[in-house]
Amino acid sequence: MTSMDRLKVLFEEIGGYQLAIERGMPFTAARPEMYNRLLEAAILLPPGNGHIWNDYRLWVMQGWAGALQNGGDAEAEPWREFLGEITEILGPAPD
């Protein structure tokens, strides 16, 4: 399998987790697998394509905000931590 083929699989799997979370899967259940796929995808992604993560970051921030609004700090904390983790992998969001 080429790296581009693997990237396609990884992005499909990440999207599948996003959809599952939106349909009610607990974020904490999906988080480790999403993290692992994101890490692998970040390694395989050719330089200069970091902008593709913008929508993903936005999705995480919206999840964090929704969890904070609906469940308070305790429910929102895993989202906040995850945003920090992905920022360590991907670097800061572009301006």
PDB file of N, CA and C in Angstrom:
ATOM      1  N   MET A   1       0.864  -1.177   0.000  1.00  0.00           N
ATOM      2  CA  MET A   1       0.000   0.000   0.000  1.00  0.00           C
ATOM      3  C   MET A   1       0.906   1.234   0.000  1.00  0.00           C
ATOM      4  N   THR A   2       0.613   2.171  -0.876  1.00  0.00           N
ATOM      5  CA  THR A   2       1.395   3.412  -0.916  1.00  0.00           C
ATOM      6  C   THR A   2       1.002   4.315   0.245  1.00  0.00           C
ATOM      7  N   SER A   3       1.849   5.303   0.517  1.00  0.00           N
ATOM      8  CA  SER A   3       1.505   6.233   1.602  1.00  0.00           C
ATOM      9  C   SER A   3       0.241   7.020   1.295  1.00  0.00           C
ATOM     10  N   MET A   4       0.010   7.326   0.045  1.00  0.00           N
ATOM     11  CA  MET A   4      -1.218   8.059  -0.294  1.00  0.00           C
ATOM     12  C   MET A   4      -2.449   7.166  -0.099  1.00  0.00           C
ATOM     13  N   ASP A   5      -2.324   5.889  -0.416  1.00  0.00           N
ATOM     14  CA  ASP A   5      -3.427   4.960  -0.166  1.00  0.00           C
ATOM     15  C   ASP A   5      -3.698   4.851   1.336  1.00  0.00           C
ATOM     16  N   ARG A   6      -2.624   4.769   2.104  1.00  0.00           N
ATOM     17  CA  ARG A   6      -2.775   4.683   3.562  1.00  0.00           C
ATOM     18  C   ARG A   6      -3.401   5.959   4.111  1.00  0.00           C
ATOM     19  N   LEU A   7      -2.999   7.110   3.588  1.00  0.00           N
ATOM     20  CA  LEU A   7      -3.603   8.377   4.026  1.00  0.00           C
ATOM     21  C   LEU A   7      -5.108   8.368   3.768  1.00  0.00           C
ATOM     22  N   LYS A   8      -5.499   7.876   2.611  1.00  0.00           N
ATOM     23  CA  LYS A   8      -6.925   7.821   2.291  1.00  0.00           C
ATOM     24  C   LYS A   8      -7.669   6.992   3.332  1.00  0.00           C
ATOM     25  N   VAL A   9      -7.119   5.833   3.673  1.00  0.00           N
ATOM     26  CA  VAL A   9      -7.741   4.970   4.684  1.00  0.00           C
ATOM     27  C   VAL A   9      -7.807   5.689   6.029  1.00  0.00           C
ATOM     28  N   LEU A  10      -6.714   6.323   6.420  1.00  0.00           N
ATOM     29  CA  LEU A  10      -6.675   7.020   7.706  1.00  0.00           C
ATOM     30  C   LEU A  10      -7.713   8.128   7.774  1.00  0.00           C
ATOM     31  N   PHE A  11      -7.815   8.931   6.704  1.00  0.00           N
ATOM     32  CA  PHE A  11      -8.796  10.015   6.701  1.00  0.00           C
ATOM     33  C   PHE A  11     -10.224   9.476   6.737  1.00  0.00           C
ATOM     34  N   GLU A  12     -10.470   8.363   6.054  1.00  0.00           N
ATOM     35  CA  GLU A  12     -11.801   7.753   6.105  1.00  0.00           C
ATOM     36  C   GLU A  12     -12.110   7.257   7.517  1.00  0.00           C
ATOM     37  N   GLU A  13     -11.112   6.669   8.174  1.00  0.00           N
ATOM     38  CA  GLU A  13     -11.332   6.179   9.524  1.00  0.00           C
ATOM     39  C   GLU A  13     -11.533   7.322  10.516  1.00  0.00           C
ATOM     40  N   ILE A  14     -10.762   8.381  10.381  1.00  0.00           N
ATOM     41  CA  ILE A  14     -10.946   9.555  11.250  1.00  0.00           C
ATOM     42  C   ILE A  14     -12.346  10.119  11.056  1.00  0.00           C
ATOM     43  N   GLY A  15     -12.767  10.238   9.802  1.00  0.00           N
ATOM     44  CA  GLY A  15     -14.111  10.725   9.513  1.00  0.00           C
ATOM     45  C   GLY A  15     -15.184   9.814  10.080  1.00  0.00           C
ATOM     46  N   GLY A  16     -14.932   8.515  10.052  1.00  0.00           N
ATOM     47  CA  GLY A  16     -15.880   7.562  10.634  1.00  0.00           C
ATOM     48  C   GLY A  16     -16.037   7.764  12.129  1.00  0.00           C
ATOM     49  N   TYR A  17     -14.931   8.033  12.808  1.00  0.00           N
ATOM     50  CA  TYR A  17     -15.005   8.313  14.245  1.00  0.00           C
ATOM     51  C   TYR A  17     -15.743   9.623  14.505  1.00  0.00           C
ATOM     52  N   GLN A  18     -15.495  10.618  13.683  1.00  0.00           N
ATOM     53  CA  GLN A  18     -16.208  11.886  13.858  1.00  0.00           C
ATOM     54  C   GLN A  18     -17.714  11.661  13.739  1.00  0.00           C
ATOM     55  N   LEU A  19     -18.106  10.927  12.724  1.00  0.00           N
ATOM     56  CA  LEU A  19     -19.528  10.649  12.516  1.00  0.00           C
ATOM     57  C   LEU A  19     -20.102   9.841  13.680  1.00  0.00           C
ATOM     58  N   ALA A  20     -19.365   8.853  14.150  1.00  0.00           N
ATOM     59  CA  ALA A  20     -19.840   8.040  15.277  1.00  0.00           C
ATOM     60  C   ALA A  20     -20.033   8.894  16.530  1.00  0.00           C
ATOM     61  N   ILE A  21     -19.121   9.813  16.768  1.00  0.00           N
ATOM     62  CA  ILE A  21     -19.246  10.705  17.930  1.00  0.00           C
ATOM     63  C   ILE A  21     -20.473  11.591  17.777  1.00  0.00           C
ATOM     64  N   GLU A  22     -20.669  12.114  16.583  1.00  0.00           N
ATOM     65  CA  GLU A  22     -21.837  12.963  16.351  1.00  0.00           C
ATOM     66  C   GLU A  22     -23.137  12.182  16.512  1.00  0.00           C
ATOM     67  N   ARG A  23     -23.066  10.874  16.326  1.00  0.00           N
ATOM     68  CA  ARG A  23     -24.260  10.018  16.469  1.00  0.00           C
ATOM     69  C   ARG A  23     -24.399   9.438  17.868  1.00  0.00           C
ATOM     70  N   GLY A  24     -23.488   9.823  18.778  1.00  0.00           N
ATOM     71  CA  GLY A  24     -23.661   9.428  20.168  1.00  0.00           C
ATOM     72  C   GLY A  24     -22.551   8.600  20.788  1.00  0.00           C
ATOM     73  N   MET A  25     -21.562   8.177  20.019  1.00  0.00           N
ATOM     74  CA  MET A  25     -20.448   7.436  20.614  1.00  0.00           C
ATOM     75  C   MET A  25     -19.716   8.355  21.581  1.00  0.00           C
ATOM     76  N   PRO A  26     -19.394   7.889  22.778  1.00  0.00           N
ATOM     77  CA  PRO A  26     -18.664   8.751  23.710  1.00  0.00           C
ATOM     78  C   PRO A  26     -17.302   9.158  23.132  1.00  0.00           C
ATOM     79  N   PHE A  27     -16.994  10.432  23.227  1.00  0.00           N
ATOM     80  CA  PHE A  27     -15.726  10.943  22.716  1.00  0.00           C
ATOM     81  C   PHE A  27     -14.548  10.194  23.322  1.00  0.00           C
ATOM     82  N   THR A  28     -14.631   9.925  24.625  1.00  0.00           N
ATOM     83  CA  THR A  28     -13.520   9.261  25.309  1.00  0.00           C
ATOM     84  C   THR A  28     -13.277   7.852  24.775  1.00  0.00           C
ATOM     85  N   ALA A  29     -14.290   7.209  24.208  1.00  0.00           N
ATOM     86  CA  ALA A  29     -14.119   5.882  23.619  1.00  0.00           C
ATOM     87  C   ALA A  29     -13.379   5.959  22.283  1.00  0.00           C
ATOM     88  N   ALA A  30     -13.625   7.002  21.523  1.00  0.00           N
ATOM     89  CA  ALA A  30     -13.020   7.144  20.194  1.00  0.00           C
ATOM     90  C   ALA A  30     -11.668   7.844  20.233  1.00  0.00           C
ATOM     91  N   ARG A  31     -11.428   8.600  21.264  1.00  0.00           N
ATOM     92  CA  ARG A  31     -10.237   9.458  21.325  1.00  0.00           C
ATOM     93  C   ARG A  31      -8.919   8.739  21.070  1.00  0.00           C
ATOM     94  N   PRO A  32      -8.626   7.613  21.730  1.00  0.00           N
ATOM     95  CA  PRO A  32      -7.318   6.979  21.492  1.00  0.00           C
ATOM     96  C   PRO A  32      -7.110   6.547  20.041  1.00  0.00           C
ATOM     97  N   GLU A  33      -8.140   5.987  19.435  1.00  0.00           N
ATOM     98  CA  GLU A  33      -8.005   5.539  18.048  1.00  0.00           C
ATOM     99  C   GLU A  33      -7.901   6.715  17.079  1.00  0.00           C
ATOM    100  N   MET A  34      -8.660   7.771  17.339  1.00  0.00           N
ATOM    101  CA  MET A  34      -8.529   8.965  16.485  1.00  0.00           C
ATOM    102  C   MET A  34      -7.133   9.546  16.605  1.00  0.00           C
ATOM    103  N   TYR A  35      -6.612   9.599  17.818  1.00  0.00           N
ATOM    104  CA  TYR A  35      -5.270  10.137  18.048  1.00  0.00           C
ATOM    105  C   TYR A  35      -4.234   9.330  17.261  1.00  0.00           C
ATOM    106  N   ASN A  36      -4.303   8.005  17.357  1.00  0.00           N
ATOM    107  CA  ASN A  36      -3.341   7.158  16.652  1.00  0.00           C
ATOM    108  C   ASN A  36      -3.398   7.362  15.144  1.00  0.00           C
ATOM    109  N   ARG A  37      -4.587   7.482  14.607  1.00  0.00           N
ATOM    110  CA  ARG A  37      -4.738   7.689  13.160  1.00  0.00           C
ATOM    111  C   ARG A  37      -4.259   9.081  12.750  1.00  0.00           C
ATOM    112  N   LEU A  38      -4.565  10.058  13.572  1.00  0.00           N
ATOM    113  CA  LEU A  38      -4.113  11.418  13.289  1.00  0.00           C
ATOM    114  C   LEU A  38      -2.586  11.494  13.301  1.00  0.00           C
ATOM    115  N   LEU A  39      -1.976  10.848  14.262  1.00  0.00           N
ATOM    116  CA  LEU A  39      -0.519  10.842  14.351  1.00  0.00           C
ATOM    117  C   LEU A  39       0.094  10.212  13.106  1.00  0.00           C
ATOM    118  N   GLU A  40      -0.418   9.084  12.700  1.00  0.00           N
ATOM    119  CA  GLU A  40       0.106   8.419  11.499  1.00  0.00           C
ATOM    120  C   GLU A  40      -0.124   9.274  10.253  1.00  0.00           C
ATOM    121  N   ALA A  41      -1.311   9.869  10.144  1.00  0.00           N
ATOM    122  CA  ALA A  41      -1.615  10.711   8.985  1.00  0.00           C
ATOM    123  C   ALA A  41      -0.702  11.934   8.950  1.00  0.00           C
ATOM    124  N   ALA A  42      -0.426  12.517  10.101  1.00  0.00           N
ATOM    125  CA  ALA A  42       0.442  13.701  10.146  1.00  0.00           C
ATOM    126  C   ALA A  42       1.854  13.356   9.675  1.00  0.00           C
ATOM    127  N   ILE A  43       2.295  12.149   9.974  1.00  0.00           N
ATOM    128  CA  ILE A  43       3.622  11.709   9.538  1.00  0.00           C
ATOM    129  C   ILE A  43       3.643  11.480   8.030  1.00  0.00           C
ATOM    130  N   LEU A  44       2.579  10.895   7.501  1.00  0.00           N
ATOM    131  CA  LEU A  44       2.533  10.547   6.079  1.00  0.00           C
ATOM    132  C   LEU A  44       2.199  11.723   5.168  1.00  0.00           C
ATOM    133  N   LEU A  45       1.529  12.729   5.708  1.00  0.00           N
ATOM    134  CA  LEU A  45       1.079  13.852   4.881  1.00  0.00           C
ATOM    135  C   LEU A  45       2.269  14.624   4.322  1.00  0.00           C
ATOM    136  N   PRO A  46       2.310  14.801   3.005  1.00  0.00           N
ATOM    137  CA  PRO A  46       3.427  15.550   2.419  1.00  0.00           C
ATOM    138  C   PRO A  46       3.482  16.988   2.945  1.00  0.00           C
ATOM    139  N   PRO A  47       4.685  17.540   3.074  1.00  0.00           N
ATOM    140  CA  PRO A  47       4.836  18.921   3.542  1.00  0.00           C
ATOM    141  C   PRO A  47       4.016  19.891   2.682  1.00  0.00           C
ATOM    142  N   GLY A  48       3.557  20.939   3.333  1.00  0.00           N
ATOM    143  CA  GLY A  48       2.787  21.966   2.626  1.00  0.00           C
ATOM    144  C   GLY A  48       1.291  21.696   2.586  1.00  0.00           C
ATOM    145  N   ASN A  49       0.847  20.624   3.216  1.00  0.00           N
ATOM    146  CA  ASN A  49      -0.576  20.275   3.187  1.00  0.00           C
ATOM    147  C   ASN A  49      -1.233  20.357   4.558  1.00  0.00           C
ATOM    148  N   GLY A  50      -0.586  21.016   5.491  1.00  0.00           N
ATOM    149  CA  GLY A  50      -1.110  21.120   6.843  1.00  0.00           C
ATOM    150  C   GLY A  50      -2.459  21.805   6.934  1.00  0.00           C
ATOM    151  N   HIS A  51      -2.799  22.591   5.931  1.00  0.00           N
ATOM    152  CA  HIS A  51      -4.078  23.311   5.949  1.00  0.00           C
ATOM    153  C   HIS A  51      -5.281  22.367   5.984  1.00  0.00           C
ATOM    154  N   ILE A  52      -5.080  21.120   5.581  1.00  0.00           N
ATOM    155  CA  ILE A  52      -6.218  20.201   5.576  1.00  0.00           C
ATOM    156  C   ILE A  52      -6.732  19.914   6.982  1.00  0.00           C
ATOM    157  N   TRP A  53      -5.917  20.215   7.993  1.00  0.00           N
ATOM    158  CA  TRP A  53      -6.334  19.961   9.369  1.00  0.00           C
ATOM    159  C   TRP A  53      -7.210  21.074   9.934  1.00  0.00           C
ATOM    160  N   ASN A  54      -7.384  22.183   9.206  1.00  0.00           N
ATOM    161  CA  ASN A  54      -8.163  23.309   9.733  1.00  0.00           C
ATOM    162  C   ASN A  54      -9.578  22.905  10.138  1.00  0.00           C
ATOM    163  N   ASP A  55     -10.270  22.180   9.271  1.00  0.00           N
ATOM    164  CA  ASP A  55     -11.643  21.772   9.585  1.00  0.00           C
ATOM    165  C   ASP A  55     -11.684  20.790  10.748  1.00  0.00           C
ATOM    166  N   TYR A  56     -10.671  19.947  10.846  1.00  0.00           N
ATOM    167  CA  TYR A  56     -10.619  18.990  11.954  1.00  0.00           C
ATOM    168  C   TYR A  56     -10.448  19.728  13.282  1.00  0.00           C
ATOM    169  N   ARG A  57      -9.549  20.699  13.302  1.00  0.00           N
ATOM    170  CA  ARG A  57      -9.371  21.511  14.516  1.00  0.00           C
ATOM    171  C   ARG A  57     -10.674  22.202  14.897  1.00  0.00           C
ATOM    172  N   LEU A  58     -11.352  22.734  13.905  1.00  0.00           N
ATOM    173  CA  LEU A  58     -12.626  23.405  14.158  1.00  0.00           C
ATOM    174  C   LEU A  58     -13.633  22.420  14.743  1.00  0.00           C
ATOM    175  N   TRP A  59     -13.679  21.216  14.217  1.00  0.00           N
ATOM    176  CA  TRP A  59     -14.580  20.198  14.734  1.00  0.00           C
ATOM    177  C   TRP A  59     -14.273  19.901  16.203  1.00  0.00           C
ATOM    178  N   VAL A  60     -12.994  19.781  16.541  1.00  0.00           N
ATOM    179  CA  VAL A  60     -12.605  19.521  17.931  1.00  0.00           C
ATOM    180  C   VAL A  60     -13.009  20.702  18.816  1.00  0.00           C
ATOM    181  N   MET A  61     -12.785  21.917  18.356  1.00  0.00           N
ATOM    182  CA  MET A  61     -13.165  23.097  19.158  1.00  0.00           C
ATOM    183  C   MET A  61     -14.669  23.171  19.354  1.00  0.00           C
ATOM    184  N   GLN A  62     -15.434  22.816  18.329  1.00  0.00           N
ATOM    185  CA  GLN A  62     -16.886  22.803  18.468  1.00  0.00           C
ATOM    186  C   GLN A  62     -17.336  21.708  19.437  1.00  0.00           C
ATOM    187  N   GLY A  63     -16.671  20.567  19.393  1.00  0.00           N
ATOM    188  CA  GLY A  63     -16.979  19.492  20.343  1.00  0.00           C
ATOM    189  C   GLY A  63     -16.691  19.917  21.772  1.00  0.00           C
ATOM    190  N   TRP A  64     -15.579  20.603  21.943  1.00  0.00           N
ATOM    191  CA  TRP A  64     -15.197  21.115  23.261  1.00  0.00           C
ATOM    192  C   TRP A  64     -16.261  22.097  23.754  1.00  0.00           C
ATOM    193  N   ALA A  65     -16.650  23.029  22.897  1.00  0.00           N
ATOM    194  CA  ALA A  65     -17.645  24.030  23.288  1.00  0.00           C
ATOM    195  C   ALA A  65     -18.990  23.373  23.620  1.00  0.00           C
ATOM    196  N   GLY A  66     -19.393  22.410  22.801  1.00  0.00           N
ATOM    197  CA  GLY A  66     -20.654  21.721  23.056  1.00  0.00           C
ATOM    198  C   GLY A  66     -20.625  20.937  24.357  1.00  0.00           C
ATOM    199  N   ALA A  67     -19.505  20.266  24.608  1.00  0.00           N
ATOM    200  CA  ALA A  67     -19.377  19.502  25.853  1.00  0.00           C
ATOM    201  C   ALA A  67     -19.388  20.432  27.062  1.00  0.00           C
ATOM    202  N   LEU A  68     -18.736  21.576  26.941  1.00  0.00           N
ATOM    203  CA  LEU A  68     -18.712  22.545  28.035  1.00  0.00           C
ATOM    204  C   LEU A  68     -20.115  23.070  28.313  1.00  0.00           C
ATOM    205  N   GLN A  69     -20.832  23.384  27.258  1.00  0.00           N
ATOM    206  CA  GLN A  69     -22.183  23.921  27.406  1.00  0.00           C
ATOM    207  C   GLN A  69     -23.143  22.866  27.968  1.00  0.00           C
ATOM    208  N   ASN A  70     -23.014  21.642  27.509  1.00  0.00           N
ATOM    209  CA  ASN A  70     -23.972  20.604  27.908  1.00  0.00           C
ATOM    210  C   ASN A  70     -23.601  19.853  29.180  1.00  0.00           C
ATOM    211  N   GLY A  71     -22.297  19.726  29.454  1.00  0.00           N
ATOM    212  CA  GLY A  71     -21.906  18.901  30.586  1.00  0.00           C
ATOM    213  C   GLY A  71     -20.939  19.549  31.550  1.00  0.00           C
ATOM    214  N   GLY A  72     -20.545  20.769  31.251  1.00  0.00           N
ATOM    215  CA  GLY A  72     -19.638  21.467  32.153  1.00  0.00           C
ATOM    216  C   GLY A  72     -18.188  21.073  31.963  1.00  0.00           C
ATOM    217  N   ASP A  73     -17.366  21.521  32.897  1.00  0.00           N
ATOM    218  CA  ASP A  73     -15.920  21.326  32.810  1.00  0.00           C
ATOM    219  C   ASP A  73     -15.517  19.856  32.725  1.00  0.00           C
ATOM    220  N   ALA A  74     -16.152  19.013  33.500  1.00  0.00           N
ATOM    221  CA  ALA A  74     -15.766  17.596  33.537  1.00  0.00           C
ATOM    222  C   ALA A  74     -15.944  16.938  32.169  1.00  0.00           C
ATOM    223  N   GLU A  75     -17.028  17.249  31.496  1.00  0.00           N
ATOM    224  CA  GLU A  75     -17.274  16.667  30.173  1.00  0.00           C
ATOM    225  C   GLU A  75     -16.394  17.310  29.103  1.00  0.00           C
ATOM    226  N   ALA A  76     -16.063  18.568  29.280  1.00  0.00           N
ATOM    227  CA  ALA A  76     -15.287  19.296  28.276  1.00  0.00           C
ATOM    228  C   ALA A  76     -13.787  19.033  28.372  1.00  0.00           C
ATOM    229  N   GLU A  77     -13.311  18.635  29.539  1.00  0.00           N
ATOM    230  CA  GLU A  77     -11.876  18.473  29.756  1.00  0.00           C
ATOM    231  C   GLU A  77     -11.207  17.515  28.762  1.00  0.00           C
ATOM    232  N   PRO A  78     -11.781  16.346  28.446  1.00  0.00           N
ATOM    233  CA  PRO A  78     -11.132  15.477  27.456  1.00  0.00           C
ATOM    234  C   PRO A  78     -10.973  16.140  26.084  1.00  0.00           C
ATOM    235  N   TRP A  79     -11.929  16.961  25.696  1.00  0.00           N
ATOM    236  CA  TRP A  79     -11.833  17.683  24.426  1.00  0.00           C
ATOM    237  C   TRP A  79     -10.701  18.703  24.472  1.00  0.00           C
ATOM    238  N   ARG A  80     -10.605  19.419  25.589  1.00  0.00           N
ATOM    239  CA  ARG A  80      -9.537  20.411  25.728  1.00  0.00           C
ATOM    240  C   ARG A  80      -8.169  19.741  25.668  1.00  0.00           C
ATOM    241  N   GLU A  81      -8.043  18.638  26.370  1.00  0.00           N
ATOM    242  CA  GLU A  81      -6.779  17.900  26.360  1.00  0.00           C
ATOM    243  C   GLU A  81      -6.448  17.400  24.960  1.00  0.00           C
ATOM    244  N   PHE A  82      -7.445  16.901  24.261  1.00  0.00           N
ATOM    245  CA  PHE A  82      -7.231  16.390  22.909  1.00  0.00           C
ATOM    246  C   PHE A  82      -6.777  17.509  21.973  1.00  0.00           C
ATOM    247  N   LEU A  83      -7.372  18.669  22.110  1.00  0.00           N
ATOM    248  CA  LEU A  83      -6.944  19.803  21.283  1.00  0.00           C
ATOM    249  C   LEU A  83      -5.475  20.116  21.544  1.00  0.00           C
ATOM    250  N   GLY A  84      -5.058  20.065  22.792  1.00  0.00           N
ATOM    251  CA  GLY A  84      -3.648  20.269  23.120  1.00  0.00           C
ATOM    252  C   GLY A  84      -2.760  19.203  22.513  1.00  0.00           C
ATOM    253  N   GLU A  85      -3.220  17.966  22.552  1.00  0.00           N
ATOM    254  CA  GLU A  85      -2.441  16.863  21.990  1.00  0.00           C
ATOM    255  C   GLU A  85      -2.278  17.003  20.482  1.00  0.00           C
ATOM    256  N   ILE A  86      -3.358  17.342  19.799  1.00  0.00           N
ATOM    257  CA  ILE A  86      -3.241  17.458  18.348  1.00  0.00           C
ATOM    258  C   ILE A  86      -2.420  18.690  17.963  1.00  0.00           C
ATOM    259  N   THR A  87      -2.456  19.709  18.793  1.00  0.00           N
ATOM    260  CA  THR A  87      -1.629  20.887  18.524  1.00  0.00           C
ATOM    261  C   THR A  87      -0.151  20.533  18.642  1.00  0.00           C
ATOM    262  N   GLU A  88       0.180  19.643  19.583  1.00  0.00           N
ATOM    263  CA  GLU A  88       1.567  19.187  19.706  1.00  0.00           C
ATOM    264  C   GLU A  88       2.008  18.430  18.448  1.00  0.00           C
ATOM    265  N   ILE A  89       1.109  17.666  17.877  1.00  0.00           N
ATOM    266  CA  ILE A  89       1.431  16.887  16.674  1.00  0.00           C
ATOM    267  C   ILE A  89       1.471  17.780  15.433  1.00  0.00           C
ATOM    268  N   LEU A  90       0.442  18.590  15.272  1.00  0.00           N
ATOM    269  CA  LEU A  90       0.274  19.361  14.030  1.00  0.00           C
ATOM    270  C   LEU A  90       0.916  20.738  14.069  1.00  0.00           C
ATOM    271  N   GLY A  91       1.277  21.186  15.259  1.00  0.00           N
ATOM    272  CA  GLY A  91       1.760  22.552  15.398  1.00  0.00           C
ATOM    273  C   GLY A  91       0.575  23.493  15.542  1.00  0.00           C
ATOM    274  N   PRO A  92       0.861  24.763  15.749  1.00  0.00           N
ATOM    275  CA  PRO A  92      -0.233  25.725  15.925  1.00  0.00           C
ATOM    276  C   PRO A  92      -1.057  25.878  14.636  1.00  0.00           C
ATOM    277  N   ALA A  93      -2.301  26.239  14.840  1.00  0.00           N
ATOM    278  CA  ALA A  93      -3.173  26.471  13.687  1.00  0.00           C
ATOM    279  C   ALA A  93      -2.636  27.649  12.888  1.00  0.00           C
ATOM    280  N   PRO A  94      -2.741  27.549  11.560  1.00  0.00           N
ATOM    281  CA  PRO A  94      -2.283  28.668  10.726  1.00  0.00           C
ATOM    282  C   PRO A  94      -3.159  29.902  10.934  1.00  0.00           C
ATOM    283  N   ASP A  95      -2.581  31.050  10.705  1.00  0.00           N
ATOM    284  CA  ASP A  95      -3.338  32.299  10.830  1.00  0.00           C
ATOM    285  C   ASP A  95      -4.350  32.452   9.724  1.00  0.00           C
TER     286      ASP A  95
END
